[in-house]
Amino acid sequence: MTSLIVAGLSIAGVAYAGRLAINLSKKINWNQVQKAMPSIADISINAYYKGGFEQKMSKREASLILGVSPSANLQRIRDSHRRIMIVNHPDKGGSPYLASKINEAKDILEGKTKSH
């Protein structure tokens, strides 16, 4: 009997919350929400490098991949490389291709490979 009462009160609570949400949604100015949403999306999407990889990686592209300046010091390059590889490592479910590009970018910025 107690479980029926609890179930009934739960259903009543959900119905009340739904009615409240509907009434509040009528008071929202949806035109302002639509105007604000694209700017929020642009902020989060533009934080990352867009575009594919060049045939031969340049120093500029390497710096974009690692998110550092082309003239960054070795410690900053290594820290950025480590941070990105933790997320993209193939042993953790990341792409082997992306991992190779991240490693190539590190090598180019450290001066171990010739860039064009």
Foldseek 3Di string as FASTA:
>chain_A
DVVVVVVVVVVVVVVVVVVVVVVVVVVDDVVVVVVPVVVVVCVVVVVADDDDADPFHALVNLCRLLVHDLQDDLVSLVVSLVVVCVVAPVVVVHDPVSNVSNVVSSCVSVPVDDHD
